[in-house]
Amino acid sequence: MICSWPHAGLSMFDSMDPTKRFSNRVENYRRSRPGYPQAVIDLIRETACLEPGAKVADIGSGTGILTRLLLDAGWNVYAAEPNAPMREAAEADLGGSPFFHSIAARAEATTLSATSMNAIACAQAFHWFERDPACAEFHRILKPGGWVFLIWNERCQGTPFDEDYHRILATLGQAYEGVRDRTKDKAIESFFSPGTYREVSFPNSTPMTWEILRGRFLSSSYVPTEEDPRHPALLAELESIFLKHQTAGQVVLEQETRVYFGQV
């Protein structure tokens, strides 16, 4: 199987303001986006030598999928998210924790204090940042020797289900390909330059019921919303491939979680 890079571009190349792309997809995102394996948290802890109470910035934190795991690790988490509906969803779910700090801010201007963070994590978000300003901001807020972790769930290609799923997405043309087909390696290399970075991946396959698969599909920024005339036909096709591949009411989304990490 080959695992694809889903969103490797940068916000400056996108026609829509990336801070607004998911405003009408929050509930689907919140309920249906796959999480991340515990191995990611272990990697962050061991690489950055984080003790309980360490300060970790979750930049582009969205609805708090990664934030929750960072909190469970015992760290003080500063979740910076510019999209109000997504940020409010995270606040509703995680606001009861005294270690959760919600911040209305972009990656390029987090409002966090200089040299205040032990580590920075970005899950499913780096591709929306303006790379150079974000890199300068990360330099500013990290303590000397601090680490950055860029995290993505990547769908694995080559399974029968994925081939049919990809065929649906391919019908969306530039809306999908314009987000999907961007150059990742040069962007990440440039971000960590003049230093180096490492890359590691972990298996993260996710069983999905029809409702979860439907929500995962609709949470994608390039999938037409209900107002679009293509919407009913796309959902009908999605349901047909679910029924074709399901076992005991579930399909398995084969994916891996890939982490790029280094010191900026």
Protein backbone atom coordinates (compact mmCIF):
# COMPACT_ATOMS: atom_id res chain seq x y z
CA MET A 1 0.00 0.00 0.00
CA ILE A 2 1.09 3.58 -0.69
CA CYS A 3 0.06 6.26 1.75
CA SER A 4 -0.81 9.57 0.15
CA TRP A 5 -0.10 13.09 1.34
CA PRO A 6 -3.57 14.61 1.57
CA HIS A 7 -3.03 18.35 1.96
CA ALA A 8 0.56 19.31 1.34
CA GLY A 9 0.12 22.87 0.20
CA LEU A 10 0.29 26.23 1.85
CA SER A 11 -2.50 28.65 2.53
CA MET A 12 -1.05 31.33 0.30
CA PHE A 13 -1.78 29.12 -2.72
CA ASP A 14 -5.42 28.56 -1.83
CA SER A 15 -8.28 30.74 -3.08
CA MET A 16 -10.32 30.42 0.12
CA ASP A 17 -9.28 31.88 3.46
CA PRO A 18 -8.09 28.72 5.27
CA THR A 19 -9.37 30.04 8.60
CA LYS A 20 -12.95 29.84 7.26
CA ARG A 21 -12.88 26.60 5.27
CA PHE A 22 -14.34 24.41 8.01
CA SER A 23 -16.88 26.74 9.60
CA ASN A 24 -19.84 24.81 8.17
CA ARG A 25 -18.27 21.38 8.78
CA VAL A 26 -17.53 21.55 12.50
CA GLU A 27 -19.88 18.83 13.76
CA ASN A 28 -18.84 16.36 11.09
CA TYR A 29 -15.19 17.16 11.84
CA ARG A 30 -15.71 16.86 15.56
CA ARG A 31 -17.55 13.52 15.42
CA SER A 32 -15.96 11.75 12.49
CA ARG A 33 -12.33 12.73 11.94
CA PRO A 34 -9.96 9.93 13.00
CA GLY A 35 -7.76 10.56 16.02
CA TYR A 36 -4.07 9.81 16.53
CA PRO A 37 -2.34 6.81 18.09
CA GLN A 38 -0.81 6.98 21.56
CA ALA A 39 2.57 6.43 19.88
CA VAL A 40 2.47 10.05 18.71
CA ILE A 41 2.21 11.30 22.29
CA ASP A 42 4.98 8.94 23.38
CA LEU A 43 7.18 10.31 20.58
CA ILE A 44 6.54 13.90 21.66
CA ARG A 45 7.22 13.10 25.31
CA GLU A 46 10.44 11.19 24.69
CA THR A 47 11.87 13.46 21.97
CA ALA A 48 11.17 16.75 23.71
CA CYS A 49 11.79 15.33 27.21
CA LEU A 50 8.47 16.69 28.45
CA GLU A 51 7.59 16.38 32.11
CA PRO A 52 4.04 16.72 33.49
CA GLY A 53 3.06 20.38 33.43
CA ALA A 54 5.21 21.24 30.41
CA LYS A 55 3.79 23.87 28.08
CA VAL A 56 2.78 22.61 24.63
CA ALA A 57 1.28 24.77 21.89
CA ASP A 58 -1.27 23.03 19.67
CA ILE A 59 -1.29 25.31 16.64
CA GLY A 60 -4.28 25.03 14.32
CA SER A 61 -5.96 22.98 17.02
CA GLY A 62 -9.37 22.81 15.34
CA THR A 63 -11.99 20.97 17.38
CA GLY A 64 -9.35 19.64 19.79
CA ILE A 65 -8.74 16.10 18.52
CA LEU A 66 -5.01 16.23 19.27
CA THR A 67 -5.49 18.70 22.13
CA ARG A 68 -7.33 16.07 24.17
CA LEU A 69 -4.42 13.63 23.88
CA LEU A 70 -1.92 16.33 24.87
CA LEU A 71 -4.03 17.14 27.92
CA ASP A 72 -4.28 13.47 28.84
CA ALA A 73 -0.47 13.38 28.84
CA GLY A 74 -0.50 15.88 31.71
CA TRP A 75 0.72 18.95 29.84
CA ASN A 76 -0.49 22.54 29.83
CA VAL A 77 -1.90 22.92 26.33
CA TYR A 78 -2.25 26.25 24.56
CA ALA A 79 -4.66 25.59 21.70
CA ALA A 80 -4.45 28.30 19.03
CA GLU A 81 -7.31 28.19 16.50
CA PRO A 82 -8.52 31.14 14.37
CA ASN A 83 -11.80 29.52 13.27
CA ALA A 84 -14.42 30.50 15.86
CA PRO A 85 -16.87 27.57 15.39
CA MET A 86 -14.06 25.01 15.59
CA ARG A 87 -12.50 26.72 18.60
CA GLU A 88 -15.86 26.89 20.39
CA ALA A 89 -16.37 23.16 19.81
CA ALA A 90 -13.03 22.46 21.50
CA GLU A 91 -13.92 24.78 24.35
CA ALA A 92 -17.22 22.97 24.88
CA ASP A 93 -15.48 19.59 25.02
CA LEU A 94 -12.29 20.49 26.87
CA GLY A 95 -13.04 23.69 28.78
CA GLY A 96 -13.42 21.85 32.06
CA SER A 97 -9.69 21.15 32.23
CA PRO A 98 -7.58 23.77 34.04
CA PHE A 99 -4.69 22.83 31.76
CA PHE A 100 -6.57 23.78 28.58
CA HIS A 101 -5.98 27.30 27.30
CA SER A 102 -7.97 28.34 24.23
CA ILE A 103 -6.52 31.10 22.06
CA ALA A 104 -8.16 32.87 19.14
CA ALA A 105 -5.09 33.25 16.96
CA ARG A 106 -3.39 32.16 13.75
CA ALA A 107 -0.15 30.24 13.47
CA GLU A 108 1.59 33.35 12.18
CA ALA A 109 0.66 35.44 15.25
CA THR A 110 -0.21 33.23 18.21
CA THR A 111 -0.14 35.98 20.90
CA LEU A 112 1.85 33.57 23.10
CA SER A 113 4.78 34.92 25.11
CA ALA A 114 8.30 34.70 23.74
CA THR A 115 10.32 31.59 24.72
CA SER A 116 7.34 30.20 26.65
CA MET A 117 6.64 26.83 24.98
CA ASN A 118 8.48 23.55 25.50
CA ALA A 119 7.11 22.10 22.26
CA ILE A 120 4.74 22.83 19.37
CA ALA A 121 2.42 20.34 17.70
CA CYS A 122 0.39 20.88 14.53
CA ALA A 123 -2.07 18.17 13.47
CA GLN A 124 -3.68 18.33 10.02
CA ALA A 125 -2.88 22.05 9.97
CA PHE A 126 0.60 22.98 8.73
CA HIS A 127 -0.49 22.94 5.08
CA TRP A 128 -2.80 25.91 5.77
CA PHE A 129 -0.09 28.08 7.34
CA GLU A 130 1.93 30.79 5.66
CA ARG A 131 5.19 28.99 6.09
CA ASP A 132 7.77 31.75 6.62
CA PRO A 133 5.73 33.88 9.08
CA ALA A 134 4.71 30.73 10.96
CA CYS A 135 8.33 29.60 11.20
CA ALA A 136 9.34 33.00 12.59
CA GLU A 137 6.53 32.81 15.13
CA PHE A 138 7.51 29.30 16.20
CA HIS A 139 11.09 30.52 16.70
CA ARG A 140 9.74 33.30 18.87
CA ILE A 141 7.52 31.28 21.20
CA LEU A 142 9.69 28.18 21.64
CA LYS A 143 12.15 27.85 24.47
CA PRO A 144 15.73 27.24 23.32
CA GLY A 145 15.99 23.64 22.21
CA GLY A 146 12.23 23.31 21.75
CA TRP A 147 10.77 20.86 19.23
CA VAL A 148 8.12 21.11 16.52
CA PHE A 149 5.94 18.13 15.52
CA LEU A 150 3.98 18.27 12.24
CA ILE A 151 1.37 15.51 12.15
CA TRP A 152 -0.92 14.13 9.46
CA ASN A 153 -3.21 11.16 9.06
CA GLU A 154 -2.56 9.86 5.56
CA ARG A 155 -4.92 7.55 3.74
CA CYS A 156 -3.29 4.38 2.44
CA GLN A 157 -3.88 3.69 -1.24
CA GLY A 158 -4.21 0.30 -2.81
CA THR A 159 -7.02 -1.28 -0.79
CA PRO A 160 -10.26 -2.04 -2.68
CA PHE A 161 -12.22 0.35 -0.47
CA ASP A 162 -9.70 3.16 -0.90
CA GLU A 163 -9.66 2.75 -4.68
CA ASP A 164 -13.42 3.29 -4.81
CA TYR A 165 -13.25 6.11 -2.27
CA HIS A 166 -10.52 7.86 -4.23
CA ARG A 167 -12.56 7.49 -7.42
CA ILE A 168 -15.35 9.56 -5.82
CA LEU A 169 -12.92 12.24 -4.68
CA ALA A 170 -11.30 12.39 -8.11
CA THR A 171 -14.64 13.43 -9.63
CA LEU A 172 -14.34 16.68 -7.67
CA GLY A 173 -11.54 17.79 -9.97
CA GLN A 174 -9.52 20.82 -8.95
CA ALA A 175 -11.41 21.28 -5.70
CA TYR A 176 -9.78 18.04 -4.54
CA GLU A 177 -6.57 17.94 -6.55
CA GLY A 178 -5.79 21.57 -5.80
CA VAL A 179 -5.67 20.73 -2.09
CA ARG A 180 -4.17 17.26 -2.44
CA ASP A 181 -1.41 17.66 -4.99
CA ARG A 182 1.06 20.05 -3.42
CA THR A 183 4.75 19.54 -2.78
CA LYS A 184 5.33 18.48 0.82
CA ASP A 185 9.00 17.62 1.03
CA LYS A 186 10.34 21.00 -0.04
CA ALA A 187 7.88 22.83 2.22
CA ILE A 188 8.88 20.81 5.29
CA GLU A 189 12.59 20.92 4.47
CA SER A 190 12.40 24.69 4.04
CA PHE A 191 10.45 25.05 7.28
CA PHE A 192 13.10 23.27 9.36
CA SER A 193 16.07 24.77 7.47
CA PRO A 194 18.92 25.25 8.25
CA GLY A 195 18.33 22.43 10.70
CA THR A 196 17.20 18.90 9.91
CA TYR A 197 14.07 16.93 10.64
CA ARG A 198 13.11 13.33 11.10
CA GLU A 199 10.10 11.43 9.90
CA VAL A 200 8.27 8.51 11.47
CA SER A 201 4.93 6.84 10.80
CA PHE A 202 2.54 4.77 12.88
CA PRO A 203 -0.34 2.53 11.78
CA ASN A 204 -3.70 4.13 12.46
CA SER A 205 -6.45 2.20 10.69
CA THR A 206 -9.97 3.23 11.65
CA PRO A 207 -13.17 1.13 11.49
CA MET A 208 -16.10 3.28 10.36
CA THR A 209 -19.84 2.82 10.42
CA TRP A 210 -21.87 4.44 7.65
CA GLU A 211 -22.58 7.50 9.80
CA ILE A 212 -18.90 7.96 10.67
CA LEU A 213 -17.79 7.49 7.07
CA ARG A 214 -20.43 9.95 5.89
CA GLY A 215 -19.28 12.50 8.48
CA ARG A 216 -15.62 11.95 7.59
CA PHE A 217 -16.42 12.55 3.92
CA LEU A 218 -18.45 15.69 4.61
CA SER A 219 -15.78 17.08 6.95
CA SER A 220 -13.39 17.52 4.01
CA SER A 221 -13.11 21.10 2.82
CA TYR A 222 -13.30 20.12 -0.86
CA VAL A 223 -16.54 18.08 -0.61
CA PRO A 224 -19.66 19.98 -1.80
CA THR A 225 -22.11 21.02 0.92
CA GLU A 226 -25.84 20.32 0.93
CA GLU A 227 -26.58 23.41 -1.15
CA ASP A 228 -24.52 22.07 -4.04
CA PRO A 229 -26.50 20.08 -6.67
CA ARG A 230 -23.76 17.42 -6.74
CA HIS A 231 -24.23 16.63 -3.04
CA PRO A 232 -27.00 13.96 -3.24
CA ALA A 233 -25.30 11.98 -6.00
CA LEU A 234 -21.96 11.99 -4.17
CA LEU A 235 -23.53 10.71 -0.97
CA ALA A 236 -25.44 8.04 -2.88
CA GLU A 237 -22.19 6.87 -4.48
CA LEU A 238 -20.42 6.92 -1.13
CA GLU A 239 -23.15 4.78 0.42
CA SER A 240 -22.93 2.32 -2.46
CA ILE A 241 -19.21 1.75 -1.90
CA PHE A 242 -19.81 1.45 1.85
CA LEU A 243 -22.37 -1.30 1.23
CA LYS A 244 -20.03 -2.96 -1.25
CA HIS A 245 -17.09 -3.14 1.17
CA GLN A 246 -18.66 -3.26 4.62
CA THR A 247 -18.33 -6.17 6.99
CA ALA A 248 -20.59 -6.30 10.06
CA GLY A 249 -21.70 -2.74 9.34
CA GLN A 250 -18.21 -1.23 9.08
CA VAL A 251 -15.50 -0.44 6.58
CA VAL A 252 -11.87 0.10 7.56
CA LEU A 253 -10.16 3.32 6.56
CA GLU A 254 -6.57 2.17 6.19
CA GLN A 255 -4.25 5.00 7.10
CA GLU A 256 -1.04 5.85 8.88
CA THR A 257 -0.13 8.79 11.06
CA ARG A 258 3.03 10.47 9.82
CA VAL A 259 5.05 12.82 12.02
CA TYR A 260 7.78 15.21 10.85
CA PHE A 261 9.75 16.60 13.76
CA GLY A 262 12.77 18.74 14.42
CA GLN A 263 14.06 21.90 16.01
CA VAL A 264 13.52 25.18 14.16
